Protein backbone atom coordinates (compact mmCIF):
# COMPACT_ATOMS: atom_id res chain seq x y z
CA UNK A 1 0.00 0.00 0.00
CA UNK A 2 1.47 3.35 -1.04
CA UNK A 3 1.94 5.93 1.71
CA UNK A 4 0.13 9.26 1.59
CA UNK A 5 2.37 12.30 1.22
CA UNK A 6 2.82 14.45 4.35
CA UNK A 7 0.35 17.33 4.72
CA UNK A 8 1.41 20.67 3.32
CA UNK A 9 0.53 23.69 5.44
CA UNK A 10 -0.23 26.79 3.47
CA UNK A 11 1.26 29.90 5.01
CA UNK A 12 -1.05 32.76 5.98
CA UNK A 13 -0.29 36.45 5.60
CA UNK A 14 1.91 37.79 8.41
CA UNK A 15 -0.77 40.30 9.50
CA UNK A 16 -3.31 37.52 9.96
CA UNK A 17 -0.83 35.42 11.94
CA UNK A 18 0.00 38.32 14.25
CA UNK A 19 -3.68 39.05 14.82
CA UNK A 20 -4.35 35.46 15.87
CA UNK A 21 -1.30 35.50 18.15
CA UNK A 22 -2.73 38.50 20.02
CA UNK A 23 -6.20 36.96 20.19
CA UNK A 24 -4.89 33.77 21.79
CA UNK A 25 -2.17 35.29 23.95
CA UNK A 26 -1.76 33.62 27.36
CA UNK A 27 -1.39 35.76 30.47
CA UNK A 28 -0.55 35.10 34.13
CA UNK A 29 -3.54 33.70 36.06
CA UNK A 30 -5.06 36.11 38.57
CA UNK A 31 -8.08 36.43 40.88
CA UNK A 32 -7.92 40.22 40.68
CA UNK A 33 -11.43 41.63 40.48
CA UNK A 34 -13.09 38.26 40.94
CA UNK A 35 -16.33 38.27 42.94
CA UNK A 36 -17.94 35.44 44.88
CA UNK A 37 -20.63 33.19 43.45
CA UNK A 38 -22.27 31.03 46.12
CA UNK A 39 -25.37 28.83 46.16
CA UNK A 40 -27.33 27.49 49.14
CA UNK A 41 -29.69 24.56 48.74
CA UNK A 42 -31.98 23.37 51.51
CA UNK A 43 -35.27 21.92 52.65
CA UNK A 44 -37.96 24.16 54.09
CA UNK A 45 -37.07 25.27 57.60
CA UNK A 46 -33.32 24.76 57.29
CA UNK A 47 -32.42 28.45 57.60
CA UNK A 48 -31.35 29.29 54.06
CA UNK A 49 -32.75 32.83 54.08
CA UNK A 50 -31.09 33.88 57.33
CA UNK A 51 -27.81 32.18 56.41
CA UNK A 52 -27.87 33.73 52.93
CA UNK A 53 -28.47 37.18 54.41
CA UNK A 54 -25.54 36.70 56.78
CA UNK A 55 -23.25 35.67 53.95
CA UNK A 56 -24.38 38.59 51.77
CA UNK A 57 -23.88 40.99 54.69
CA UNK A 58 -20.36 39.68 55.25
CA UNK A 59 -19.45 39.86 51.56
CA UNK A 60 -20.75 43.45 51.46
CA UNK A 61 -18.50 44.34 54.41
CA UNK A 62 -21.26 46.22 56.21
CA UNK A 63 -22.69 48.05 53.19
CA UNK A 64 -26.32 47.75 52.10
CA UNK A 65 -26.92 44.98 49.62
CA UNK A 66 -29.82 43.91 47.40
CA UNK A 67 -32.26 41.04 47.84
CA UNK A 68 -34.29 39.75 44.91
CA UNK A 69 -37.19 38.27 46.86
CA UNK A 70 -39.44 35.49 45.56
CA UNK A 71 -40.31 34.18 49.04
CA UNK A 72 -43.18 36.52 49.92
CA UNK A 73 -41.08 38.89 51.99
CA UNK A 74 -39.33 36.26 54.14
CA UNK A 75 -36.00 38.10 54.02
CA UNK A 76 -37.54 41.37 55.21
CA UNK A 77 -38.47 39.74 58.53
CA UNK A 78 -34.75 39.79 59.38
CA UNK A 79 -34.10 43.43 58.45
CA UNK A 80 -31.92 45.08 61.07
CA UNK A 81 -31.12 41.86 62.96
CA UNK A 82 -27.40 41.80 63.69
CA UNK A 83 -26.98 45.10 61.90
CA UNK A 84 -27.95 43.61 58.54
CA UNK A 85 -29.37 46.27 56.18
CA UNK A 86 -30.58 45.63 52.65
CA UNK A 87 -33.02 46.75 49.97
CA UNK A 88 -35.50 44.35 48.41
CA UNK A 89 -37.15 43.82 45.06
CA UNK A 90 -40.24 41.63 45.42
CA UNK A 91 -41.15 39.45 42.44
CA UNK A 92 -44.24 37.29 41.98
CA UNK A 93 -43.64 36.14 38.40
CA UNK A 94 -40.38 34.49 37.50
CA UNK A 95 -39.45 34.87 33.85
CA UNK A 96 -35.69 34.15 33.82
CA UNK A 97 -35.24 37.19 31.59
CA UNK A 98 -36.65 39.34 34.38
CA UNK A 99 -33.98 38.07 36.77
CA UNK A 100 -31.35 39.23 34.28
CA UNK A 101 -33.06 42.65 34.16
CA UNK A 102 -33.21 42.82 37.96
CA UNK A 103 -29.51 42.03 38.21
CA UNK A 104 -28.78 44.75 35.68
CA UNK A 105 -30.79 47.23 37.77
CA UNK A 106 -28.87 46.19 40.90
CA UNK A 107 -25.57 46.68 39.07
CA UNK A 108 -26.59 50.17 37.94
CA UNK A 109 -27.54 51.01 41.54
CA UNK A 110 -24.09 49.88 42.68
CA UNK A 111 -25.03 47.15 45.15
CA UNK A 112 -21.87 45.25 46.20
CA UNK A 113 -23.82 42.00 46.65
CA UNK A 114 -27.11 40.55 45.44
CA UNK A 115 -28.92 37.75 47.27
CA UNK A 116 -31.42 35.88 45.05
CA UNK A 117 -33.92 34.22 47.39
CA UNK A 118 -34.72 31.92 45.70
CA UNK A 119 -33.42 30.85 42.31
CA UNK A 120 -35.79 27.86 42.25
CA UNK A 121 -38.78 30.01 41.32
CA UNK A 122 -37.09 31.02 38.06
CA UNK A 123 -37.03 27.33 37.17
CA UNK A 124 -40.44 25.98 38.20
CA UNK A 125 -42.47 28.99 39.33
CA UNK A 126 -44.98 31.07 37.37
CA UNK A 127 -43.36 32.12 34.05
CA UNK A 128 -40.19 30.22 35.01
CA UNK A 129 -38.13 28.23 32.53
CA UNK A 130 -40.39 25.17 32.73
CA UNK A 131 -43.44 27.35 32.06
CA UNK A 132 -41.67 28.95 29.11
CA UNK A 133 -40.90 25.53 27.62
CA UNK A 134 -44.48 24.37 28.12
CA UNK A 135 -45.82 27.45 26.31
CA UNK A 136 -43.29 27.23 23.50
CA UNK A 137 -44.26 23.65 22.59
CA UNK A 138 -47.38 24.98 20.85
CA UNK A 139 -45.10 26.43 18.15
CA UNK A 140 -43.70 22.95 17.53
CA UNK A 141 -46.90 20.94 17.26
CA UNK A 142 -47.12 20.20 20.97
CA UNK A 143 -43.59 18.78 21.10
CA UNK A 144 -42.35 19.71 24.57
CA UNK A 145 -38.81 18.60 23.78
CA UNK A 146 -38.74 21.07 20.89
CA UNK A 147 -39.96 23.75 23.31
CA UNK A 148 -36.48 23.71 24.85
CA UNK A 149 -35.32 25.58 21.74
CA UNK A 150 -36.89 28.59 23.42
CA UNK A 151 -36.38 27.63 27.06
CA UNK A 152 -32.68 26.77 26.97
CA UNK A 153 -31.48 30.18 25.69
CA UNK A 154 -33.54 31.92 28.40
CA UNK A 155 -32.04 29.70 31.09
CA UNK A 156 -28.51 30.14 29.73
CA UNK A 157 -28.89 33.92 29.52
CA UNK A 158 -30.08 34.00 33.13
CA UNK A 159 -27.02 32.04 34.29
CA UNK A 160 -24.78 34.31 32.22
CA UNK A 161 -26.31 37.35 33.94
CA UNK A 162 -25.53 35.86 37.36
CA UNK A 163 -21.93 35.22 36.36
CA UNK A 164 -21.56 38.68 34.79
CA UNK A 165 -22.78 40.65 37.81
CA UNK A 166 -19.99 43.07 38.83
CA UNK A 167 -20.41 42.30 42.56
CA UNK A 168 -20.93 39.18 44.67
CA UNK A 169 -23.96 36.93 44.11
CA UNK A 170 -25.54 34.58 46.66
CA UNK A 171 -28.43 32.41 45.44
CA UNK A 172 -30.63 30.14 47.51
CA UNK A 173 -32.44 27.14 46.04
CA UNK A 174 -35.04 24.81 47.44
CA UNK A 175 -34.19 21.11 47.52
CA UNK A 176 -36.23 18.18 46.32
CA UNK A 177 -36.94 16.10 49.43
CA UNK A 178 -37.25 12.42 50.14
CA UNK A 179 -38.07 10.32 53.20
CA UNK A 180 -35.48 7.75 54.28
CA UNK A 181 -35.15 5.42 57.25
CA UNK A 182 -32.34 6.26 59.68
CA UNK A 183 -32.10 4.10 62.79
CA UNK A 184 -35.56 2.76 62.05
CA UNK A 185 -37.08 6.24 62.01
CA UNK A 186 -38.26 8.14 58.93
CA UNK A 187 -36.18 11.25 58.24
CA UNK A 188 -36.72 13.95 55.65
CA UNK A 189 -33.59 14.66 53.58
CA UNK A 190 -32.82 17.07 50.77
CA UNK A 191 -31.56 15.83 47.44
CA UNK A 192 -30.62 17.97 44.45
CA UNK A 193 -31.68 21.62 44.13
CA UNK A 194 -34.91 22.63 42.38
CA UNK A 195 -33.18 24.08 39.36
CA UNK A 196 -31.77 22.75 36.14
CA UNK A 197 -29.43 19.81 36.74
CA UNK A 198 -25.83 20.91 37.11
CA UNK A 199 -26.62 24.49 38.18
CA UNK A 200 -24.26 24.12 41.15
CA UNK A 201 -21.29 23.87 38.79
CA UNK A 202 -21.81 27.55 37.90
CA UNK A 203 -20.92 28.65 41.45
CA UNK A 204 -17.55 28.90 43.19
CA UNK A 205 -19.05 27.50 46.39
CA UNK A 206 -22.15 25.31 46.76
CA UNK A 207 -23.49 24.50 50.22
CA UNK A 208 -26.42 22.50 51.57
CA UNK A 209 -28.31 22.94 54.83
CA UNK A 210 -30.32 20.33 56.71
CA UNK A 211 -33.29 20.59 59.02
CA UNK A 212 -30.95 20.89 62.03
CA UNK A 213 -29.42 24.05 60.52
CA UNK A 214 -26.12 22.33 59.78
CA UNK A 215 -24.28 23.61 56.71
CA UNK A 216 -22.23 21.26 54.55
CA UNK A 217 -19.95 22.54 51.80
CA UNK A 218 -20.64 20.35 48.77
CA UNK A 219 -18.19 22.04 46.44
CA UNK A 220 -15.65 24.81 46.90
CA UNK A 221 -13.00 26.47 44.80
CA UNK A 222 -11.96 28.23 48.01
CA UNK A 223 -9.55 25.73 49.67
CA UNK A 224 -10.29 26.81 53.25
CA UNK A 225 -13.98 25.94 52.84
CA UNK A 226 -13.54 22.60 51.13
CA UNK A 227 -15.74 19.86 52.69
CA UNK A 228 -16.49 21.96 55.78
CA UNK A 229 -19.42 20.98 58.01
CA UNK A 230 -20.62 23.88 60.18
CA UNK A 231 -23.43 23.53 62.73
CA UNK A 232 -25.60 26.69 63.02
CA UNK A 233 -23.31 28.78 60.80
CA UNK A 234 -22.72 32.49 61.19
CA UNK A 235 -22.70 33.46 57.52
CA UNK A 236 -20.51 36.55 57.77
CA UNK A 237 -17.85 34.89 59.90
CA UNK A 238 -17.88 31.27 58.76
CA UNK A 239 -18.44 31.67 55.02
CA UNK A 240 -18.02 35.27 53.84
CA UNK A 241 -14.81 35.81 55.81
CA UNK A 242 -12.87 32.91 54.27
CA UNK A 243 -14.27 33.76 50.82
CA UNK A 244 -13.10 37.38 50.97
CA UNK A 245 -9.69 36.34 52.29
CA UNK A 246 -9.30 33.88 49.42
CA UNK A 247 -10.39 36.38 46.76
CA UNK A 248 -8.02 39.05 48.10
CA UNK A 249 -4.99 36.74 48.07
CA UNK A 250 -3.41 37.04 44.66
CA UNK A 251 0.36 36.53 44.83
CA UNK A 252 2.48 37.86 42.04
CA UNK A 253 3.30 35.07 39.61
CA UNK A 254 6.92 34.07 39.44
CA UNK A 255 8.66 34.40 36.13
CA UNK A 256 9.70 31.00 34.91
CA UNK A 257 13.42 30.81 34.11
CA UNK A 258 14.37 30.38 30.51
CA UNK A 259 15.66 26.89 29.69
CA UNK A 260 19.43 26.68 29.61
CA UNK A 261 21.14 25.97 26.32
CA UNK A 262 23.69 23.19 26.19
CA UNK A 263 26.89 24.90 25.04
CA UNK A 264 28.10 21.63 23.54
CA UNK A 265 25.22 21.48 21.05
CA UNK A 266 26.18 22.26 17.51
């Protein structure tokens, strides 16, 4: 069998090569300017709202922050407790595009932190992503799967808005619950959050809270929080403090030495 000739690479104009080199230029890694992204998932009664407010207060370093409230004013019941001060935006319909607009309004107002309580409503509440998919299926002959052509971009744009916010973002989510037997007694436990599968991967830190108000760190890019289990957490001290310390630590990268040339090489 005859061998194929080696591939011939056609040279590109120098200007085009230089442009691509600038576009794909690598730079030293840095956390400079990075803001926290944290999610809290829990069953009803686990303390997510109070814990989320404490974390947002700590991340804001005492300044007023914003709460996007879908929980019928639950957060406002804690206003002033422990010196926590915030402004709220109450929402009773949950189009994911409206969350993006609310985040944009918070950014224009200059809030250092936004607490979304809760993100679950923008998934399965009135006008949430699931509602949008159900409505869109009519355009595709009742095919609900095809309705995701409309729903997925809305969901993705909402997540992009959370990630693009110029300050810190804390988002609570309700958990699906199940009953299990522990020691012969039925116990209610939380499973995954009521949001699109994999949503927790979008956050730097994802925590879960149980009915005893114990916080477990499920995932953390902040090393000092990795796998922590904290009974009755104080959000500002136990979570926000380590997060701010981690984000503010950005050592100057060392310059790698150039490889030495063997003087005996010809």
